[in-house]
C-alpha atoms as a PDB file:
ATOM      1  CA  MET A   1     169.473 107.262 144.888  1.00  0.00           C
ATOM      2  CA  PHE A   2     167.117 109.151 142.563  1.00  0.00           C
ATOM      3  CA  ALA A   3     165.424 105.892 141.491  1.00  0.00           C
ATOM      4  CA  TYR A   4     165.048 104.984 145.178  1.00  0.00           C
ATOM      5  CA  GLN A   5     163.491 108.390 145.812  1.00  0.00           C
ATOM      6  CA  GLN A   6     161.048 107.649 142.976  1.00  0.00           C
ATOM      7  CA  LYS A   7     160.227 104.302 144.650  1.00  0.00           C
ATOM      8  CA  ASP A   8     161.060 102.618 141.332  1.00  0.00           C
ATOM      9  CA  VAL A   9     162.706  99.322 142.259  1.00  0.00           C
ATOM     10  CA  ASP A  10     162.863  98.185 138.604  1.00  0.00           C
ATOM     11  CA  LYS A  11     164.785 101.349 137.751  1.00  0.00           C
ATOM     12  CA  MET A  12     167.051 100.819 140.769  1.00  0.00           C
ATOM     13  CA  MET A  13     167.763  97.301 139.559  1.00  0.00           C
ATOM     14  CA  SER A  14     168.547  98.522 136.028  1.00  0.00           C
ATOM     15  CA  PHE A  15     171.707 100.146 137.434  1.00  0.00           C
ATOM     16  CA  CYS A  16     172.772  96.913 139.136  1.00  0.00           C
ATOM     17  CA  ASP A  17     174.181  93.510 138.316  1.00  0.00           C
ATOM     18  CA  PRO A  18     171.474  91.278 139.856  1.00  0.00           C
ATOM     19  CA  ALA A  19     174.118  88.639 140.613  1.00  0.00           C
ATOM     20  CA  GLY A  20     176.149  91.223 142.512  1.00  0.00           C
ATOM     21  CA  THR A  21     176.258  91.229 146.297  1.00  0.00           C
ATOM     22  CA  VAL A  22     174.535  93.383 148.861  1.00  0.00           C
ATOM     23  CA  GLU A  23     175.142  93.591 152.571  1.00  0.00           C
ATOM     24  CA  PHE A  24     172.837  95.344 154.994  1.00  0.00           C
ATOM     25  CA  ILE A  25     175.499  95.418 157.713  1.00  0.00           C
ATOM     26  CA  PRO A  26     173.325  95.774 160.851  1.00  0.00           C
ATOM     27  CA  LEU A  27     171.416  92.610 159.889  1.00  0.00           C
ATOM     28  CA  GLY A  28     174.520  90.398 160.089  1.00  0.00           C
ATOM     29  CA  ALA A  29     174.525  87.177 158.068  1.00  0.00           C
ATOM     30  CA  ALA A  30     170.792  87.559 157.302  1.00  0.00           C
ATOM     31  CA  GLY A  31     171.588  90.865 155.576  1.00  0.00           C
ATOM     32  CA  LYS A  32     173.998  89.402 153.009  1.00  0.00           C
ATOM     33  CA  GLY A  33     172.885  88.173 149.620  1.00  0.00           C
ATOM     34  CA  LYS A  34     172.407  88.901 145.939  1.00  0.00           C
ATOM     35  CA  ILE A  35     171.330  92.361 144.798  1.00  0.00           C
ATOM     36  CA  GLY A  36     168.646  90.844 142.549  1.00  0.00           C
ATOM     37  CA  GLU A  37     167.206  88.699 145.344  1.00  0.00           C
ATOM     38  CA  LEU A  38     167.778  90.057 148.858  1.00  0.00           C
ATOM     39  CA  GLY A  39     168.293  93.663 147.763  1.00  0.00           C
ATOM     40  CA  ARG A  40     165.229  93.716 145.517  1.00  0.00           C
ATOM     41  CA  GLY A  41     163.124  92.004 148.176  1.00  0.00           C
ATOM     42  CA  ILE A  42     164.052  94.449 150.932  1.00  0.00           C
ATOM     43  CA  TRP A  43     163.596  97.510 148.712  1.00  0.00           C
ATOM     44  CA  GLU A  44     160.210  96.285 147.424  1.00  0.00           C
ATOM     45  CA  SER A  45     159.111  95.642 151.000  1.00  0.00           C
ATOM     46  CA  LEU A  46     160.288  99.083 152.143  1.00  0.00           C
ATOM     47  CA  VAL A  47     158.345 100.797 149.347  1.00  0.00           C
ATOM     48  CA  ASP A  48     155.254  98.706 150.143  1.00  0.00           C
ATOM     49  CA  CYS A  49     155.384  99.175 153.931  1.00  0.00           C
ATOM     50  CA  PHE A  50     156.507 102.831 153.855  1.00  0.00           C
ATOM     51  CA  PRO A  51     154.600 104.265 150.861  1.00  0.00           C
ATOM     52  CA  ASP A  52     155.931 107.794 151.522  1.00  0.00           C
ATOM     53  CA  ILE A  53     159.567 106.660 151.850  1.00  0.00           C
ATOM     54  CA  ASP A  54     161.951 109.376 150.735  1.00  0.00           C
ATOM     55  CA  ASN A  55     165.645 110.107 150.852  1.00  0.00           C
ATOM     56  CA  THR A  56     167.950 113.085 150.810  1.00  0.00           C
ATOM     57  CA  LEU A  57     171.453 112.627 149.456  1.00  0.00           C
ATOM     58  CA  ASP A  58     173.701 114.677 151.742  1.00  0.00           C
ATOM     59  CA  ALA A  59     177.022 113.747 150.138  1.00  0.00           C
ATOM     60  CA  ALA A  60     178.491 111.509 147.453  1.00  0.00           C
ATOM     61  CA  VAL A  61     182.225 110.921 147.318  1.00  0.00           C
ATOM     62  CA  ALA A  62     184.201 108.820 144.867  1.00  0.00           C
ATOM     63  CA  ASP A  63     186.614 106.734 146.927  1.00  0.00           C
ATOM     64  CA  ASP A  64     188.269 105.616 143.693  1.00  0.00           C
ATOM     65  CA  HIS A  65     187.210 105.280 140.046  1.00  0.00           C
ATOM     66  CA  ARG A  66     184.919 102.302 140.862  1.00  0.00           C
ATOM     67  CA  THR A  67     183.641 103.063 144.389  1.00  0.00           C
ATOM     68  CA  VAL A  68     181.169 105.733 145.514  1.00  0.00           C
ATOM     69  CA  ARG A  69     180.201 106.433 149.122  1.00  0.00           C
ATOM     70  CA  CYS A  70     176.876 108.185 149.737  1.00  0.00           C
ATOM     71  CA  GLN A  71     175.600 109.733 152.950  1.00  0.00           C
ATOM     72  CA  VAL A  72     171.801 109.632 152.817  1.00  0.00           C
ATOM     73  CA  VAL A  73     168.926 110.440 155.150  1.00  0.00           C
ATOM     74  CA  ILE A  74     165.978 108.084 154.647  1.00  0.00           C
ATOM     75  CA  ARG A  75     162.566 108.772 156.143  1.00  0.00           C
ATOM     76  CA  GLY A  76     159.080 107.373 155.938  1.00  0.00           C
ATOM     77  CA  THR A  77     155.864 106.474 157.741  1.00  0.00           C
ATOM     78  CA  GLN A  78     155.122 102.812 158.366  1.00  0.00           C
ATOM     79  CA  LYS A  79     151.745 101.660 156.997  1.00  0.00           C
ATOM     80  CA  LYS A  80     152.305  97.857 157.064  1.00  0.00           C
ATOM     81  CA  ASP A  81     154.306  95.430 159.186  1.00  0.00           C
ATOM     82  CA  PHE A  82     157.940  95.381 158.100  1.00  0.00           C
ATOM     83  CA  ALA A  83     160.629  92.839 159.036  1.00  0.00           C
ATOM     84  CA  ASN A  84     158.900  91.702 162.237  1.00  0.00           C
ATOM     85  CA  ILE A  85     158.123  95.299 163.216  1.00  0.00           C
ATOM     86  CA  LYS A  86     154.385  95.687 163.712  1.00  0.00           C
ATOM     87  CA  SER A  87     153.042  98.862 162.166  1.00  0.00           C
ATOM     88  CA  LYS A  88     152.013 101.537 164.662  1.00  0.00           C
ATOM     89  CA  GLY A  89     151.821 104.202 161.959  1.00  0.00           C
ATOM     90  CA  LYS A  90     155.020 105.829 163.205  1.00  0.00           C
ATOM     91  CA  SER A  91     157.716 107.521 161.149  1.00  0.00           C
ATOM     92  CA  PHE A  92     161.466 107.127 161.023  1.00  0.00           C
ATOM     93  CA  ASP A  93     164.279 109.441 159.985  1.00  0.00           C
ATOM     94  CA  SER A  94     167.615 107.675 159.701  1.00  0.00           C
ATOM     95  CA  ASP A  95     171.141 108.408 158.457  1.00  0.00           C
ATOM     96  CA  HIS A  96     172.460 105.737 156.097  1.00  0.00           C
ATOM     97  CA  ILE A  97     175.820 105.155 154.434  1.00  0.00           C
ATOM     98  CA  PHE A  98     175.705 103.386 151.068  1.00  0.00           C
ATOM     99  CA  ILE A  99     178.917 102.212 149.415  1.00  0.00           C
ATOM    100  CA  PHE A 100     178.532 101.236 145.776  1.00  0.00           C
ATOM    101  CA  HIS A 101     181.125  99.374 143.719  1.00  0.00           C
ATOM    102  CA  ILE A 102     180.771  99.688 139.945  1.00  0.00           C
ATOM    103  CA  ASN A 103     182.066  96.974 137.611  1.00  0.00           C
ATOM    104  CA  ASP A 104     183.623  97.292 134.152  1.00  0.00           C
ATOM    105  CA  GLU A 105     180.145  97.204 132.553  1.00  0.00           C
ATOM    106  CA  ASP A 106     179.163 100.289 134.640  1.00  0.00           C
ATOM    107  CA  LYS A 107     176.742  98.249 136.736  1.00  0.00           C
ATOM    108  CA  ILE A 108     176.713  98.240 140.522  1.00  0.00           C
ATOM    109  CA  ASP A 109     178.071  94.847 141.580  1.00  0.00           C
ATOM    110  CA  HIS A 110     178.369  95.409 145.334  1.00  0.00           C
ATOM    111  CA  ILE A 111     176.361  97.509 147.771  1.00  0.00           C
ATOM    112  CA  SER A 112     177.121  97.950 151.446  1.00  0.00           C
ATOM    113  CA  VAL A 113     174.504  99.698 153.616  1.00  0.00           C
ATOM    114  CA  GLU A 114     175.039 100.868 157.206  1.00  0.00           C
ATOM    115  CA  TRP A 115     172.591 102.559 159.597  1.00  0.00           C
ATOM    116  CA  ASN A 116     171.734 102.599 163.303  1.00  0.00           C
ATOM    117  CA  HIS A 117     169.254  99.717 163.327  1.00  0.00           C
ATOM    118  CA  GLU A 118     168.456 100.019 167.041  1.00  0.00           C
ATOM    119  CA  ASP A 119     167.415 103.642 166.536  1.00  0.00           C
ATOM    120  CA  PHE A 120     165.353 102.697 163.460  1.00  0.00           C
ATOM    121  CA  VAL A 121     163.454 100.082 165.478  1.00  0.00           C
ATOM    122  CA  ARG A 122     163.063 102.454 168.441  1.00  0.00           C
ATOM    123  CA  GLN A 123     161.521 105.153 166.261  1.00  0.00           C
ATOM    124  CA  LEU A 124     158.950 102.700 164.885  1.00  0.00           C
ATOM    125  CA  THR A 125     158.085 100.927 168.136  1.00  0.00           C
ATOM    126  CA  ALA A 126     158.367 103.513 170.930  1.00  0.00           C
END
């Protein structure tokens, strides 16, 4: 989460297995893919479209020795169109749940991300 806060996607990826899976749950089938492809692409786009994007880690809990659940607030101001959302220069503030699974090589090999997508869109388009 610290690398995300730094907007350093390369650093974020250094903690991950690029062949691992990511699922952005509210996006359905379109939100499932490889960490090194879909994950990287979405995170690069977020950093580009929301140059002040920031996060606050509210809680991190180890579900077991390989799984960590993080409650995070992400916020930012939209400066470019993002995922079919035209930029109106508005900001969002959104609770997210990230679940990370860590493999035997201490790399993240699965990420699950949940948030209220309808509220996210509403904040940016209202």
